[in-house]
Protein backbone atom coordinates (compact mmCIF):
# COMPACT_ATOMS: atom_id res chain seq x y z
CA MET A 1 2.92 -8.77 24.81
CA SER A 2 4.23 -6.93 21.77
CA PHE A 3 5.55 -7.77 18.29
CA GLU A 4 9.16 -6.63 18.02
CA ILE A 5 9.96 -5.33 14.53
CA LEU A 6 13.44 -6.63 13.81
CA GLY A 7 13.72 -5.34 10.25
CA ILE A 8 11.85 -3.84 7.30
CA GLY A 9 12.64 -4.32 3.62
CA THR A 10 11.15 -2.46 0.66
CA THR A 11 11.48 -2.75 -3.09
CA ASN A 12 9.97 -1.53 -6.36
CA PRO A 13 10.00 -2.59 -10.01
CA GLU A 14 13.14 -1.55 -11.86
CA HIS A 15 11.57 1.19 -13.98
CA SER A 16 9.66 4.34 -13.08
CA ILE A 17 7.78 7.09 -14.85
CA ARG A 18 7.34 10.77 -14.11
CA GLN A 19 3.78 11.81 -13.46
CA SER A 20 3.79 14.34 -16.30
CA GLU A 21 4.73 11.57 -18.74
CA ALA A 22 2.10 9.24 -17.30
CA ALA A 23 -0.55 11.90 -17.93
CA VAL A 24 0.45 12.15 -21.59
CA HIS A 25 0.19 8.40 -21.99
CA ALA A 26 -3.19 8.36 -20.19
CA LEU A 27 -4.64 10.66 -22.85
CA SER A 28 -4.36 7.85 -25.40
CA LEU A 29 -6.29 5.49 -23.11
CA SER A 30 -8.95 7.75 -21.61
CA CYS A 31 -9.71 10.27 -24.35
CA HIS A 32 -11.32 9.33 -27.65
CA VAL A 33 -12.83 11.11 -30.62
CA ASP A 34 -16.00 11.72 -28.64
CA THR A 35 -14.11 13.17 -25.65
CA THR A 36 -14.62 16.91 -25.21
CA GLU A 37 -11.75 19.39 -25.26
CA GLN A 38 -12.63 20.27 -21.66
CA GLN A 39 -12.10 16.64 -20.63
CA ARG A 40 -8.76 16.56 -22.45
CA ARG A 41 -7.63 19.61 -20.49
CA LEU A 42 -8.94 18.18 -17.20
CA LEU A 43 -7.04 14.90 -17.32
CA PRO A 44 -3.51 16.33 -16.77
CA VAL A 45 -4.95 18.54 -14.02
CA LEU A 46 -6.23 15.45 -12.19
CA TYR A 47 -2.79 13.87 -12.53
CA ARG A 48 -1.09 16.99 -11.10
CA ARG A 49 -3.48 17.10 -8.16
CA ALA A 50 -2.65 13.51 -7.18
CA GLY A 51 0.45 14.60 -5.23
CA VAL A 52 2.59 12.11 -7.15
CA LYS A 53 5.81 13.02 -8.95
CA SER A 54 6.98 9.55 -9.99
CA ARG A 55 5.82 5.94 -9.84
CA HIS A 56 7.21 2.47 -10.51
CA SER A 57 5.44 -0.09 -12.68
CA VAL A 58 6.09 -3.64 -13.85
CA VAL A 59 4.78 -2.79 -17.34
CA LEU A 60 7.50 -0.22 -18.02
CA GLU A 61 10.37 -1.30 -20.26
CA ASN A 62 12.68 1.59 -19.41
CA SER A 63 12.63 4.52 -17.01
CA SER A 64 11.93 8.22 -17.40
CA GLY A 65 14.83 10.18 -18.79
CA ALA A 66 16.28 11.34 -22.05
CA GLU A 67 14.97 8.24 -23.80
CA ALA A 68 11.20 8.10 -24.26
CA VAL A 69 9.38 5.85 -21.83
CA ARG A 70 8.40 2.63 -23.57
CA GLN A 71 5.75 0.12 -22.62
CA THR A 72 3.74 -2.16 -24.86
CA PHE A 73 1.27 -3.62 -22.38
CA TYR A 74 -1.27 -0.80 -22.70
CA GLN A 75 -1.88 0.07 -26.34
CA PRO A 76 -3.79 3.25 -27.31
CA ALA A 77 -7.54 2.67 -27.37
CA GLU A 78 -8.82 1.91 -30.86
CA SER A 79 -12.38 2.92 -29.99
CA PRO A 80 -14.55 3.80 -26.95
CA ALA A 81 -15.32 0.06 -26.72
CA ASP A 82 -11.63 -0.80 -26.31
CA LEU A 83 -11.06 -1.30 -22.57
CA GLY A 84 -7.54 -2.67 -22.70
CA PRO A 85 -6.11 -6.08 -21.76
CA ALA A 86 -8.43 -8.71 -20.31
CA THR A 87 -8.17 -9.50 -16.61
CA SER A 88 -6.69 -12.93 -17.38
CA ILE A 89 -3.81 -11.26 -19.25
CA ARG A 90 -3.23 -8.84 -16.39
CA MET A 91 -3.16 -11.74 -13.90
CA GLN A 92 -0.50 -13.51 -15.94
CA GLU A 93 1.69 -10.43 -15.46
CA TYR A 94 0.82 -10.36 -11.76
CA GLU A 95 1.91 -13.95 -11.28
CA LYS A 96 5.18 -13.32 -13.09
CA HIS A 97 6.20 -10.14 -11.29
CA ALA A 98 4.69 -10.43 -7.78
CA ALA A 99 6.93 -13.37 -6.90
CA VAL A 100 10.08 -11.46 -7.84
CA LEU A 101 9.20 -8.37 -5.81
CA ALA A 102 8.09 -10.44 -2.82
CA THR A 103 11.37 -12.34 -2.76
CA GLN A 104 13.38 -9.12 -2.95
CA ALA A 105 11.41 -7.46 -0.13
CA VAL A 106 11.65 -10.48 2.16
CA GLN A 107 15.39 -10.81 1.60
CA ALA A 108 15.87 -7.10 2.32
CA ALA A 109 13.86 -7.43 5.55
CA LEU A 110 15.85 -10.50 6.66
CA ASP A 111 19.11 -8.68 5.94
CA SER A 112 17.90 -5.65 7.89
CA ALA A 113 16.92 -7.88 10.81
CA ASN A 114 20.08 -10.01 10.58
CA VAL A 115 17.87 -13.10 10.65
CA ASP A 116 18.57 -16.30 8.71
CA PRO A 117 15.70 -17.73 6.63
CA GLU A 118 15.90 -21.01 8.57
CA LYS A 119 14.66 -19.14 11.67
CA VAL A 120 11.36 -18.14 10.02
CA THR A 121 8.36 -20.11 11.29
CA GLN A 122 5.43 -18.22 9.70
CA LEU A 123 4.94 -16.25 6.50
CA VAL A 124 1.99 -13.84 6.23
CA THR A 125 1.39 -12.49 2.74
CA VAL A 126 -0.82 -9.54 1.76
CA SER A 127 -2.15 -8.50 -1.64
CA CYS A 128 -5.32 -7.08 -3.18
CA SER A 129 -4.15 -6.53 -6.76
CA GLY A 130 -3.90 -10.11 -7.99
CA PHE A 131 -4.49 -13.79 -7.44
CA SER A 132 -2.72 -17.01 -8.36
CA ALA A 133 -2.35 -20.46 -6.86
CA PRO A 134 0.34 -21.44 -6.14
CA GLY A 135 0.95 -17.90 -4.94
CA PHE A 136 4.01 -15.73 -4.46
CA ASP A 137 4.30 -17.07 -0.90
CA LEU A 138 5.52 -20.41 -2.22
CA HIS A 139 8.06 -18.65 -4.43
CA VAL A 140 9.46 -16.90 -1.36
CA LEU A 141 9.79 -20.20 0.51
CA LYS A 142 11.60 -21.82 -2.44
CA GLN A 143 14.55 -19.51 -1.79
CA PRO A 144 17.61 -21.04 -0.10
CA GLY A 145 17.41 -21.51 3.65
CA PHE A 146 13.65 -21.58 4.22
CA SER A 147 12.11 -24.66 5.77
CA PRO A 148 9.27 -26.36 3.86
CA ASP A 149 7.47 -26.47 7.21
CA VAL A 150 6.93 -22.69 7.38
CA SER A 151 3.20 -22.08 7.85
CA ARG A 152 1.54 -19.70 5.39
CA THR A 153 -1.35 -17.28 5.82
CA HIS A 154 -2.62 -15.06 3.02
CA ILE A 155 -4.60 -11.85 3.55
CA GLY A 156 -6.29 -11.00 0.27
CA PHE A 157 -8.41 -8.22 -1.16
CA MET A 158 -8.55 -6.04 1.96
CA GLY A 159 -7.23 -2.94 0.23
CA CYS A 160 -4.76 -0.29 1.30
CA HIS A 161 -4.81 -1.20 4.99
CA GLY A 162 -3.91 -4.86 4.32
CA ALA A 163 -0.42 -4.61 5.82
CA LEU A 164 -1.95 -3.56 9.15
CA ASN A 165 -4.11 -6.67 9.07
CA GLY A 166 -0.97 -8.67 8.33
CA LEU A 167 0.84 -7.18 11.32
CA ARG A 168 -2.14 -8.03 13.54
CA VAL A 169 -1.97 -11.66 12.45
CA ALA A 170 1.81 -11.73 12.97
CA LYS A 171 1.41 -10.40 16.52
CA SER A 172 -1.18 -13.10 17.25
CA PHE A 173 1.32 -15.75 16.17
CA THR A 174 4.11 -14.39 18.35
CA ASP A 175 1.79 -13.75 21.30
CA ASN A 176 0.94 -17.46 21.30
CA ASP A 177 4.42 -18.81 20.59
CA PRO A 178 7.47 -17.15 22.15
CA ASN A 179 9.71 -18.99 19.67
CA ALA A 180 7.87 -17.82 16.54
CA CYS A 181 9.67 -15.70 13.96
CA VAL A 182 7.19 -14.19 11.51
CA VAL A 183 7.64 -12.50 8.14
CA VAL A 184 4.87 -10.25 6.80
CA CYS A 185 5.13 -9.49 3.07
CA ALA A 186 2.80 -7.11 1.18
CA VAL A 187 2.99 -6.97 -2.62
CA GLU A 188 0.83 -4.85 -4.93
CA LEU A 189 0.97 -4.37 -8.70
CA CYS A 190 -1.70 -1.69 -9.01
CA SER A 191 -0.47 -0.50 -12.41
CA LEU A 192 -1.84 -3.73 -13.90
CA HIS A 193 -5.31 -2.27 -13.41
CA GLN A 194 -5.05 0.87 -15.52
CA GLN A 195 -8.58 1.66 -16.70
CA TYR A 196 -9.50 2.92 -20.16
CA GLY A 197 -12.23 5.42 -21.02
CA TRP A 198 -13.50 8.63 -19.49
CA CYS A 199 -14.58 8.18 -15.86
CA PRO A 200 -13.24 10.74 -13.35
CA ASP A 201 -13.16 8.23 -10.45
CA LYS A 202 -11.10 5.78 -12.47
CA ILE A 203 -8.82 8.50 -13.83
CA VAL A 204 -8.06 9.62 -10.26
CA ALA A 205 -7.19 6.01 -9.40
CA ASN A 206 -5.01 5.75 -12.53
CA ALA A 207 -3.17 8.88 -11.39
CA LEU A 208 -2.51 7.62 -7.86
CA PHE A 209 -1.67 3.96 -7.83
CA ALA A 210 1.70 2.27 -8.35
CA ASP A 211 3.67 -0.92 -7.71
CA GLY A 212 5.81 -1.96 -4.76
CA ALA A 213 6.51 -4.51 -2.05
CA ALA A 214 7.50 -4.38 1.59
CA ALA A 215 8.26 -6.97 4.25
CA VAL A 216 8.64 -7.01 8.02
CA VAL A 217 10.44 -9.55 10.22
CA GLY A 218 9.43 -9.81 13.86
CA LYS A 219 9.16 -11.91 16.99
CA GLN A 220 7.75 -11.73 20.51
CA SER A 221 9.46 -8.87 22.28
CA ARG A 222 12.17 -9.65 24.76
CA ASN A 223 13.79 -6.30 24.13
CA GLN A 224 14.64 -4.36 27.24
CA THR A 225 16.59 -1.56 25.57
CA GLY A 226 13.91 0.03 23.37
CA ASP A 227 16.16 -0.20 20.30
CA HIS A 228 13.49 -1.89 18.17
CA TRP A 229 10.05 -0.55 17.38
CA GLU A 230 7.28 -2.75 18.77
CA LEU A 231 3.67 -3.24 17.71
CA VAL A 232 1.69 -3.20 20.95
CA ALA A 233 -1.93 -2.93 19.78
CA SER A 234 -4.21 -2.91 16.74
CA GLY A 235 -7.59 -1.29 16.24
CA SER A 236 -10.31 -1.45 13.61
CA THR A 237 -13.68 0.11 12.92
CA VAL A 238 -16.16 0.24 10.05
CA VAL A 239 -17.95 3.52 9.43
CA PRO A 240 -21.71 2.77 9.26
CA ASP A 241 -23.49 3.05 5.92
CA SER A 242 -20.30 3.84 4.00
CA GLU A 243 -20.03 0.81 1.71
CA ALA A 244 -20.60 2.87 -1.42
CA MET A 245 -17.77 5.29 -0.63
CA MET A 246 -14.93 3.01 -1.72
CA SER A 247 -14.92 -0.26 -3.64
CA TRP A 248 -12.47 -2.54 -5.42
CA ARG A 249 -14.13 -5.02 -7.75
CA ILE A 250 -12.96 -7.53 -10.34
CA GLY A 251 -13.99 -6.54 -13.86
CA ASP A 252 -13.42 -8.06 -17.27
CA HIS A 253 -10.58 -5.59 -17.93
CA GLY A 254 -8.78 -5.39 -14.59
CA PHE A 255 -9.92 -4.53 -11.09
CA GLU A 256 -12.09 -1.42 -10.91
CA MET A 257 -11.75 1.20 -8.17
CA THR A 258 -14.53 3.50 -6.95
CA LEU A 259 -13.50 6.49 -4.80
CA SER A 260 -16.15 8.89 -3.56
CA PRO A 261 -15.11 12.57 -3.27
CA LEU A 262 -16.95 12.51 0.07
CA ILE A 263 -14.36 10.24 1.74
CA PRO A 264 -12.26 13.13 3.15
CA ASP A 265 -15.36 14.66 4.75
CA LEU A 266 -16.26 11.29 6.25
CA ILE A 267 -12.78 10.95 7.72
CA LYS A 268 -12.92 14.47 9.15
CA SER A 269 -16.18 13.74 10.95
CA ARG A 270 -15.58 10.13 12.09
CA LEU A 271 -11.87 9.56 12.68
CA ARG A 272 -11.11 11.58 15.82
CA PRO A 273 -13.92 10.26 18.08
CA TRP A 274 -12.99 6.66 17.34
CA LEU A 275 -9.24 7.31 17.57
CA GLU A 276 -9.60 9.03 20.95
CA LYS A 277 -11.58 6.11 22.32
CA TRP A 278 -9.17 3.50 20.98
CA LEU A 279 -6.02 5.27 22.19
CA ALA A 280 -7.60 5.78 25.62
CA SER A 281 -8.18 2.01 25.81
CA GLN A 282 -4.40 1.65 25.30
CA GLY A 283 -3.62 4.12 28.06
CA THR A 284 -2.55 6.97 25.81
CA SER A 285 -3.95 9.92 23.85
CA ILE A 286 -3.66 11.75 20.55
CA GLU A 287 -1.51 14.41 22.20
CA ALA A 288 0.99 11.77 23.35
CA ILE A 289 1.65 10.39 19.86
CA GLY A 290 5.09 11.37 18.60
CA SER A 291 4.81 10.36 14.92
CA TRP A 292 2.24 9.19 12.40
CA ALA A 293 2.50 6.67 9.54
CA ILE A 294 -0.66 7.52 7.60
CA HIS A 295 -1.47 5.69 4.41
CA PRO A 296 -1.55 8.34 1.65
CA GLY A 297 -4.78 7.46 -0.11
CA GLY A 298 -4.43 10.87 -1.74
CA PRO A 299 -3.57 14.45 -0.78
CA ARG A 300 -7.12 15.27 0.34
CA ILE A 301 -7.25 12.21 2.60
CA LEU A 302 -3.99 13.21 4.29
CA THR A 303 -5.28 16.74 4.83
CA ALA A 304 -8.54 15.34 6.22
CA VAL A 305 -6.63 13.21 8.74
CA ALA A 306 -4.58 16.19 9.92
CA GLU A 307 -7.71 18.32 10.30
CA ALA A 308 -9.61 15.56 12.10
CA VAL A 309 -6.83 14.69 14.52
CA GLY A 310 -5.63 18.27 14.93
CA PHE A 311 -1.89 18.05 14.36
CA GLU A 312 0.45 20.23 12.37
CA GLU A 313 1.33 19.71 8.70
CA GLU A 314 4.86 18.51 9.45
CA LYS A 315 3.44 15.27 10.89
CA LEU A 316 2.22 14.47 7.38
CA ALA A 317 5.63 14.97 5.76
CA PRO A 318 6.69 11.27 5.65
CA SER A 319 3.37 10.24 4.09
CA ARG A 320 3.44 13.04 1.52
CA GLU A 321 7.07 12.25 0.64
CA ILE A 322 6.35 8.57 -0.01
CA LEU A 323 3.26 9.45 -2.06
CA SER A 324 5.29 11.91 -4.13
CA GLU A 325 8.24 9.57 -4.72
CA PHE A 326 6.41 6.26 -5.19
CA GLY A 327 2.68 6.90 -5.58
CA ASN A 328 0.00 4.98 -3.69
CA MET A 329 1.27 1.39 -3.69
CA SER A 330 -1.75 0.21 -1.69
CA SER A 331 -0.88 -2.17 1.18
CA PRO A 332 2.96 -1.88 1.22
CA THR A 333 2.86 1.93 1.36
CA VAL A 334 2.45 2.32 5.11
CA LEU A 335 5.49 0.07 5.65
CA PHE A 336 7.56 2.34 3.38
CA ILE A 337 6.50 5.21 5.65
CA LEU A 338 7.29 3.30 8.85
CA GLN A 339 10.74 2.45 7.49
CA ARG A 340 11.38 6.13 6.78
CA LEU A 341 10.25 7.12 10.27
CA GLN A 342 12.60 4.54 11.78
CA ALA A 343 15.51 5.81 9.70
CA ALA A 344 14.80 9.35 10.92
CA GLN A 345 14.57 8.11 14.53
CA ALA A 346 11.12 9.67 14.77
CA ALA A 347 9.52 10.16 18.15
CA ARG A 348 7.46 7.35 19.62
CA PRO A 349 4.80 6.18 20.19
CA CYS A 350 3.77 6.04 16.54
CA VAL A 351 0.30 5.47 15.14
CA MET A 352 -0.13 3.75 11.78
CA LEU A 353 -3.39 4.44 9.95
CA GLY A 354 -4.96 2.99 6.82
CA PHE A 355 -8.33 3.25 5.09
CA GLY A 356 -10.07 0.76 2.86
CA PRO A 357 -13.37 -0.46 1.44
CA GLY A 358 -16.03 -0.60 4.06
CA LEU A 359 -15.28 2.29 4.77
CA THR A 360 -12.80 0.70 7.17
CA ILE A 361 -10.32 2.43 9.44
CA GLU A 362 -7.37 0.32 10.59
CA ALA A 363 -4.81 1.46 13.13
CA ALA A 364 -1.71 0.14 14.87
CA LEU A 365 0.13 1.50 17.91
CA VAL A 366 3.91 1.18 17.80
CA LYS A 367 6.20 2.01 20.72
């Protein structure tokens, strides 16, 4: 059986910032009196190399343009010991904004699918950038039309591949209940975890991550025409002895990301053998895949995937475009890419790929 994708909805915070402006602001947070001139010159270079041109954030009070970008959440560091807002303050902002974005994304997905809220039987939510209870799932279900009997499942703290885990859970629901109608909603507010101080790993993360939300509506496939895209299989593997390569931990001043520069090399050496084996188990091959929705963890990761799998640069175009326009929004990002592929009527089958702490590789096959 397969999970028929009836509609996808995406949304972002109202305001955005150009990457060049973000780099200027980052200087006041990451560079202090004891920072070397070489480090001051390196920071904007790291921001340019991120492959991002603009990003949305809930902390922005107006957008890039003729008027200077204003935000008051992150004040310039007063000393090297100043690490910015406490995690509790950041989580207050998460609770306030995540619910709004989730509701917007779900409504957009329902509109795209032409499905009434009263038809929804399960809601699967995904997020790794914040916590609250009650969560944003309850806010979604408070909207007109939803039944209070909708069952809720939350997938938390799984990183950038979380939406793929959410789709796997949704397919399990519909596989077991032909009458189920499932909504998957991924929300991330990564900009709430801007890190202060000079640490290249954290500066790279500051330069990449952004805010966004995406939702999918689906049911057990009864489609005989092939009009809708269908999730037919999911795959997952953990690369041995790679735990130190990527981490996402809760600190006193936001969640702290660790990204090893060796991750692209690990992907180049480990991805293809596993992918070949998994696709063969689904009766297909790398050569038969028509399009790719690859989570853009960064430009080097995208290049590593292309080199490992052995396809041409144009297959990366949707992922690079989303990264450039929106930044790395963590879990919703791959759904932004899938939506763009659908709009372009990209060739199928399609493989969705995401990478997360572990180092974990998650994949989904869509026909």
